[in-house]
């Protein structure tokens, strides 16, 4: 099943493009972190050890670390600010 940017899956939330053909259900996102921070590095190492790391950056430099409610850690090539803007745009809000 192919989804387009912002399309809703049945009762599953909004799928938003996070770069390089990868989509994410924004209803499951808990946090978006900068990859250079110590907590992000620690979460990434724990995710590797437990098999919860998803790499969605297509071999590019990681610019954001996304944490989901299922404790999965997703590495994205788009910056956290860009991902936040997409989330706000999809929500139809004007958060500041």
C-alpha atoms as a PDB file:
ATOM      1  CA  UNK A   1       0.000   0.000   0.000  1.00  0.00           C
ATOM      2  CA  UNK A   2       1.477   3.358  -0.997  1.00  0.00           C
ATOM      3  CA  UNK A   3       0.789   6.478   1.031  1.00  0.00           C
ATOM      4  CA  UNK A   4       1.327  10.053  -0.014  1.00  0.00           C
ATOM      5  CA  UNK A   5       2.621  12.832   2.236  1.00  0.00           C
ATOM      6  CA  UNK A   6       0.059  13.550   4.951  1.00  0.00           C
ATOM      7  CA  UNK A   7      -2.353  10.771   3.983  1.00  0.00           C
ATOM      8  CA  UNK A   8      -4.169   9.067   6.838  1.00  0.00           C
ATOM      9  CA  UNK A   9      -4.149   5.306   7.172  1.00  0.00           C
ATOM     10  CA  UNK A  10      -7.308   3.812   8.673  1.00  0.00           C
ATOM     11  CA  UNK A  11      -7.270   4.764  12.367  1.00  0.00           C
ATOM     12  CA  UNK A  12      -3.495   4.740  12.384  1.00  0.00           C
ATOM     13  CA  UNK A  13      -2.674   8.433  12.287  1.00  0.00           C
ATOM     14  CA  UNK A  14      -0.856  10.633   9.860  1.00  0.00           C
ATOM     15  CA  UNK A  15       2.061   9.288   7.877  1.00  0.00           C
ATOM     16  CA  UNK A  16       4.650  11.999   7.328  1.00  0.00           C
ATOM     17  CA  UNK A  17       7.657  11.817   5.034  1.00  0.00           C
ATOM     18  CA  UNK A  18      10.903  11.759   7.052  1.00  0.00           C
ATOM     19  CA  UNK A  19      13.230  11.638   4.059  1.00  0.00           C
ATOM     20  CA  UNK A  20      14.445   9.281   1.328  1.00  0.00           C
ATOM     21  CA  UNK A  21      11.138   7.489   0.829  1.00  0.00           C
ATOM     22  CA  UNK A  22      10.591   6.781   4.530  1.00  0.00           C
ATOM     23  CA  UNK A  23       7.342   7.606   6.316  1.00  0.00           C
ATOM     24  CA  UNK A  24       6.491   7.704   9.997  1.00  0.00           C
ATOM     25  CA  UNK A  25       3.230   7.669  11.948  1.00  0.00           C
ATOM     26  CA  UNK A  26       3.389  10.947  13.893  1.00  0.00           C
ATOM     27  CA  UNK A  27       0.881   9.704  16.478  1.00  0.00           C
ATOM     28  CA  UNK A  28       3.592   7.373  17.773  1.00  0.00           C
ATOM     29  CA  UNK A  29       6.373   9.994  18.137  1.00  0.00           C
ATOM     30  CA  UNK A  30       7.398  10.849  21.689  1.00  0.00           C
ATOM     31  CA  UNK A  31      10.476  12.995  21.030  1.00  0.00           C
ATOM     32  CA  UNK A  32      12.809  14.307  18.335  1.00  0.00           C
ATOM     33  CA  UNK A  33      16.390  14.821  19.500  1.00  0.00           C
ATOM     34  CA  UNK A  34      19.571  16.265  18.046  1.00  0.00           C
ATOM     35  CA  UNK A  35      21.988  13.357  17.482  1.00  0.00           C
ATOM     36  CA  UNK A  36      24.962  15.078  19.174  1.00  0.00           C
ATOM     37  CA  UNK A  37      23.355  15.135  22.627  1.00  0.00           C
ATOM     38  CA  UNK A  38      24.436  12.665  25.290  1.00  0.00           C
ATOM     39  CA  UNK A  39      20.898  11.299  25.865  1.00  0.00           C
ATOM     40  CA  UNK A  40      20.462  10.675  22.131  1.00  0.00           C
ATOM     41  CA  UNK A  41      23.783   8.837  21.975  1.00  0.00           C
ATOM     42  CA  UNK A  42      22.841   6.738  25.012  1.00  0.00           C
ATOM     43  CA  UNK A  43      19.395   5.895  23.594  1.00  0.00           C
ATOM     44  CA  UNK A  44      20.966   4.971  20.264  1.00  0.00           C
ATOM     45  CA  UNK A  45      23.457   2.604  21.932  1.00  0.00           C
ATOM     46  CA  UNK A  46      20.683   0.976  24.008  1.00  0.00           C
ATOM     47  CA  UNK A  47      18.526   0.570  20.886  1.00  0.00           C
ATOM     48  CA  UNK A  48      21.368  -1.128  19.005  1.00  0.00           C
ATOM     49  CA  UNK A  49      21.892  -3.544  21.890  1.00  0.00           C
ATOM     50  CA  UNK A  50      18.195  -4.427  22.130  1.00  0.00           C
ATOM     51  CA  UNK A  51      17.412  -4.486  18.389  1.00  0.00           C
ATOM     52  CA  UNK A  52      15.127  -1.421  18.451  1.00  0.00           C
ATOM     53  CA  UNK A  53      17.171   0.821  16.122  1.00  0.00           C
ATOM     54  CA  UNK A  54      15.691   1.754  12.735  1.00  0.00           C
ATOM     55  CA  UNK A  55      18.002   3.524  10.309  1.00  0.00           C
ATOM     56  CA  UNK A  56      16.001   5.706   7.904  1.00  0.00           C
ATOM     57  CA  UNK A  57      18.732   8.028   6.669  1.00  0.00           C
ATOM     58  CA  UNK A  58      19.763   6.130   3.505  1.00  0.00           C
ATOM     59  CA  UNK A  59      23.430   6.222   4.472  1.00  0.00           C
ATOM     60  CA  UNK A  60      23.408   9.985   4.969  1.00  0.00           C
ATOM     61  CA  UNK A  61      24.540  11.829   8.074  1.00  0.00           C
ATOM     62  CA  UNK A  62      22.057  11.510  10.961  1.00  0.00           C
ATOM     63  CA  UNK A  63      20.511  14.895  11.764  1.00  0.00           C
ATOM     64  CA  UNK A  64      17.662  13.781  14.035  1.00  0.00           C
ATOM     65  CA  UNK A  65      16.924  10.924  16.410  1.00  0.00           C
ATOM     66  CA  UNK A  66      13.221  10.097  16.709  1.00  0.00           C
ATOM     67  CA  UNK A  67      11.893   8.210  19.737  1.00  0.00           C
ATOM     68  CA  UNK A  68       8.549   6.388  19.466  1.00  0.00           C
ATOM     69  CA  UNK A  69       6.065   5.244  22.105  1.00  0.00           C
ATOM     70  CA  UNK A  70       7.175   1.649  21.471  1.00  0.00           C
ATOM     71  CA  UNK A  71      10.742   2.642  22.481  1.00  0.00           C
ATOM     72  CA  UNK A  72      12.061   2.319  18.943  1.00  0.00           C
ATOM     73  CA  UNK A  73      14.812   4.737  17.961  1.00  0.00           C
ATOM     74  CA  UNK A  74      14.743   6.028  14.379  1.00  0.00           C
ATOM     75  CA  UNK A  75      17.692   7.804  12.767  1.00  0.00           C
ATOM     76  CA  UNK A  76      16.649  10.403  10.182  1.00  0.00           C
ATOM     77  CA  UNK A  77      18.669  12.462   7.699  1.00  0.00           C
ATOM     78  CA  UNK A  78      16.333  15.460   8.012  1.00  0.00           C
ATOM     79  CA  UNK A  79      16.989  18.004  10.749  1.00  0.00           C
ATOM     80  CA  UNK A  80      14.795  18.040  13.847  1.00  0.00           C
ATOM     81  CA  UNK A  81      13.533  21.524  12.948  1.00  0.00           C
ATOM     82  CA  UNK A  82      12.373  20.334   9.503  1.00  0.00           C
ATOM     83  CA  UNK A  83      10.615  17.332  11.045  1.00  0.00           C
ATOM     84  CA  UNK A  84       8.927  19.587  13.609  1.00  0.00           C
ATOM     85  CA  UNK A  85       7.714  21.924  10.857  1.00  0.00           C
ATOM     86  CA  UNK A  86       6.209  18.961   9.002  1.00  0.00           C
ATOM     87  CA  UNK A  87       4.498  17.762  12.172  1.00  0.00           C
ATOM     88  CA  UNK A  88       2.984  21.191  12.824  1.00  0.00           C
ATOM     89  CA  UNK A  89       1.919  21.509   9.165  1.00  0.00           C
ATOM     90  CA  UNK A  90       0.213  18.113   9.260  1.00  0.00           C
ATOM     91  CA  UNK A  91      -1.512  18.958  12.529  1.00  0.00           C
ATOM     92  CA  UNK A  92      -2.829  22.124  10.910  1.00  0.00           C
ATOM     93  CA  UNK A  93      -1.541  24.225  13.765  1.00  0.00           C
ATOM     94  CA  UNK A  94       0.714  27.221  14.062  1.00  0.00           C
ATOM     95  CA  UNK A  95       2.886  26.235  17.039  1.00  0.00           C
ATOM     96  CA  UNK A  96       5.726  28.518  17.936  1.00  0.00           C
END
